[in-house]
Amino acid sequence: AASMEGRQRTVLADAARLRAQETLSTKTLTQMRDCLHEENCKVAGLEGRVEALEEELLQEKERLRQADEQLRNEKKLSLEKQATRAELKRHIAKQQGNSTAREEKNDTWIAGFFTARNFLGV
């Protein structure tokens, strides 16, 4: 009977130890789950921030592309204006040898034409 009683105490002690381990394991698992949830929330927040930064980057690239295009257009226009001025100067130099009233009228018309052309950006 004494050995049966000793076995029963050992079984009860083992059961109590197992319940304590189960409680501790459950607590540990709950803490790990909560920690994992927090980390997942942080990751989701970071992913959202990355997406926002990627969108900002795309917008900035588009702004830069447009600015580059505008700069190319302005440079092209400037070169065209320079060519028109040179053309006008050659024409005026050619016409300076003859200063009749009719040629002066033509010079005025041509200068007006090129001025209008420059103004219109043609």
Foldseek 3Di string as FASTA:
>chain_A
DVVVVVVVVVVVVVVVVVVVVVVVVVVVVVVVVVVVVVVVVVVVVVVVVVVVVVVVVVVVVVVVVVVVVVVVVVVVLVVVLVVLVVVLVVVCVVLVVPDDPVSVVVNVVSVVVSVVCNVVSD
